[in-house]
Amino acid sequence: MSITTPAQLAKYIKGKKNVLVLAGYLCDEVEFNGKKLSDYAAEVALRLDVPVAATGNSVVALKQKGARAAKKVALGLVEMLRYKEWRDPVTASRPDLLVLIGYPREVARALVTAARGVETVVLGTSVVEEATYSLGDASLSQYQRNLEGLVKRLAA
């Protein structure tokens, strides 16, 4: 199946059983006309009713928006995927899908490459070929439209 629109991506994500959102430091730094990337990360998590593993200070903004967020090192979570037993309190069971938002392309690439036995979605401005799916190769204004479309479809 080829996913080329936010609507198709929302349907795919909603079809997964155990999703974990990974929010990177760009969630605090990227802003679209007064709306931060952390707002979108929180909306995705809230619409899906899933937790967020946040890097750095992103956890504060996510919690303020009502998301179940915990401060975690993304690489540590990805490392845990190598083992049969999942032992992290951010989510009770091993995720089957990681949704990455707020990471530079090369960091996202490293994380999805290291992730084992799990599908990955990267919500960024550049395609990450190693991810199962990614919204990418977009200007910042197109990126915002993609995120708006995704959030809208996740609510439907």
Protein backbone atom coordinates (compact mmCIF):
# COMPACT_ATOMS: atom_id res chain seq x y z
CA MET A 1 0.00 0.00 0.00
CA SER A 2 1.34 3.39 -0.93
CA ILE A 3 0.53 6.27 1.41
CA THR A 4 0.71 9.68 -0.18
CA THR A 5 -1.77 11.84 1.77
CA PRO A 6 -2.34 12.79 5.41
CA ALA A 7 -5.77 11.11 5.22
CA GLN A 8 -4.23 7.79 4.16
CA LEU A 9 -1.57 8.11 6.84
CA ALA A 10 -4.21 8.80 9.52
CA LYS A 11 -6.12 5.68 8.49
CA TYR A 12 -2.92 3.62 8.67
CA ILE A 13 -1.96 4.97 12.10
CA LYS A 14 -5.47 4.47 13.51
CA GLY A 15 -5.27 0.83 12.38
CA LYS A 16 -2.35 0.13 14.70
CA LYS A 17 -2.90 -1.37 18.12
CA ASN A 18 -0.11 0.07 20.26
CA VAL A 19 1.29 3.42 19.11
CA LEU A 20 3.98 5.45 20.84
CA VAL A 21 4.72 9.04 19.83
CA LEU A 22 8.35 10.15 20.08
CA ALA A 23 8.64 13.95 20.30
CA GLY A 24 12.01 15.54 19.61
CA TYR A 25 13.53 18.86 20.57
CA LEU A 26 12.27 20.59 17.41
CA CYS A 27 8.80 20.46 18.98
CA ASP A 28 9.94 23.41 21.12
CA GLU A 29 11.66 25.27 18.30
CA VAL A 30 9.41 25.02 15.22
CA GLU A 31 6.45 27.37 15.11
CA PHE A 32 3.78 27.97 12.46
CA ASN A 33 1.98 31.31 12.85
CA GLY A 34 1.84 31.01 16.63
CA LYS A 35 1.25 27.25 16.78
CA LYS A 36 4.21 25.17 17.91
CA LEU A 37 5.13 21.74 16.63
CA SER A 38 4.53 20.51 20.19
CA ASP A 39 0.85 21.47 19.71
CA TYR A 40 0.65 19.05 16.78
CA ALA A 41 2.51 16.33 18.68
CA ALA A 42 0.05 16.70 21.58
CA GLU A 43 -2.95 16.66 19.23
CA VAL A 44 -1.75 13.47 17.55
CA ALA A 45 -1.24 11.78 20.93
CA LEU A 46 -4.57 12.98 22.31
CA ARG A 47 -6.54 11.96 19.20
CA LEU A 48 -5.00 8.50 19.35
CA ASP A 49 -5.10 8.35 23.17
CA VAL A 50 -1.46 7.24 23.28
CA PRO A 51 1.54 8.30 25.37
CA VAL A 52 4.42 10.47 24.27
CA ALA A 53 8.09 9.89 24.98
CA ALA A 54 9.53 13.38 24.82
CA THR A 55 13.09 14.61 24.51
CA GLY A 56 14.37 17.52 26.58
CA ASN A 57 11.96 20.25 27.54
CA SER A 58 9.28 19.15 25.06
CA VAL A 59 7.68 17.16 27.87
CA VAL A 60 6.59 20.34 29.68
CA ALA A 61 4.64 21.76 26.73
CA LEU A 62 3.09 18.37 25.95
CA LYS A 63 1.87 17.89 29.51
CA GLN A 64 0.44 21.42 29.54
CA LYS A 65 -1.63 20.47 26.49
CA GLY A 66 -2.98 17.36 28.25
CA ALA A 67 -0.80 14.70 26.62
CA ARG A 68 0.45 11.77 28.68
CA ALA A 69 4.10 12.63 28.27
CA ALA A 70 7.24 11.36 29.95
CA LYS A 71 10.79 12.60 29.53
CA LYS A 72 12.74 9.84 27.78
CA VAL A 73 15.85 9.41 25.72
CA ALA A 74 14.61 8.27 22.30
CA LEU A 75 17.64 6.11 21.63
CA GLY A 76 17.07 4.28 24.92
CA LEU A 77 13.51 3.44 23.91
CA VAL A 78 14.64 2.28 20.49
CA GLU A 79 17.33 0.15 22.13
CA MET A 80 14.66 -1.60 24.24
CA LEU A 81 12.96 -2.75 21.04
CA ARG A 82 15.80 -5.22 20.55
CA TYR A 83 14.54 -7.31 23.45
CA LYS A 84 11.51 -9.59 23.66
CA GLU A 85 10.27 -8.15 26.93
CA TRP A 86 9.22 -4.50 27.03
CA ARG A 87 10.15 -2.88 30.32
CA ASP A 88 9.49 0.81 30.01
CA PRO A 89 6.77 2.52 32.05
CA VAL A 90 5.91 5.08 29.35
CA THR A 91 3.63 2.44 27.82
CA ALA A 92 2.58 -0.87 29.34
CA SER A 93 3.31 -2.99 26.31
CA ARG A 94 5.74 -2.98 23.43
CA PRO A 95 4.68 -0.55 20.69
CA ASP A 96 3.94 -1.82 17.19
CA LEU A 97 4.28 1.68 15.71
CA LEU A 98 6.53 4.61 16.55
CA VAL A 99 5.43 8.05 15.31
CA LEU A 100 8.36 10.46 15.30
CA ILE A 101 7.79 14.20 15.25
CA GLY A 102 10.23 17.00 15.97
CA TYR A 103 13.47 15.32 14.92
CA PRO A 104 15.92 16.53 12.25
CA ARG A 105 15.99 14.19 9.24
CA GLU A 106 19.29 12.53 10.12
CA VAL A 107 18.27 11.89 13.72
CA ALA A 108 14.93 10.44 12.56
CA ARG A 109 16.81 8.28 10.07
CA ALA A 110 19.11 6.95 12.80
CA LEU A 111 16.18 6.19 15.11
CA VAL A 112 14.08 4.33 12.53
CA THR A 113 17.12 2.41 11.32
CA ALA A 114 17.86 1.27 14.87
CA ALA A 115 14.22 0.39 15.66
CA ARG A 116 13.68 -3.38 15.42
CA GLY A 117 10.41 -5.24 15.05
CA VAL A 118 8.31 -2.09 14.90
CA GLU A 119 6.89 0.05 12.12
CA THR A 120 7.79 3.73 11.97
CA VAL A 121 6.19 6.93 10.75
CA VAL A 122 8.18 10.15 10.50
CA LEU A 123 6.25 13.42 10.51
CA GLY A 124 8.80 15.85 9.14
CA THR A 125 9.66 18.04 6.17
CA SER A 126 11.89 15.48 4.43
CA VAL A 127 11.27 11.95 3.29
CA VAL A 128 13.02 9.37 5.47
CA GLU A 129 13.36 6.37 3.17
CA GLU A 130 14.17 4.02 6.04
CA ALA A 131 10.82 4.71 7.76
CA THR A 132 7.77 2.61 7.00
CA TYR A 133 6.08 5.88 5.97
CA SER A 134 6.95 9.54 6.18
CA LEU A 135 5.34 12.83 5.32
CA GLY A 136 8.11 14.74 3.72
CA ASP A 137 9.77 16.85 1.11
CA ALA A 138 7.59 19.80 1.97
CA SER A 139 8.03 23.49 2.64
CA LEU A 140 7.15 24.62 6.16
CA SER A 141 3.73 25.83 4.99
CA GLN A 142 3.03 22.48 3.28
CA TYR A 143 4.30 20.68 6.38
CA GLN A 144 1.78 22.60 8.48
CA ARG A 145 -1.03 21.71 6.04
CA ASN A 146 0.04 18.05 6.20
CA LEU A 147 -0.05 18.10 10.01
CA GLU A 148 -3.43 19.89 10.03
CA GLY A 149 -4.82 17.29 7.64
CA LEU A 150 -3.44 14.42 9.69
CA VAL A 151 -4.85 15.74 12.96
CA LYS A 152 -8.24 16.39 11.35
CA ARG A 153 -8.39 12.83 10.00
CA LEU A 154 -7.24 11.32 13.29
CA ALA A 155 -10.23 13.03 14.93
CA ALA A 156 -12.69 11.57 12.41
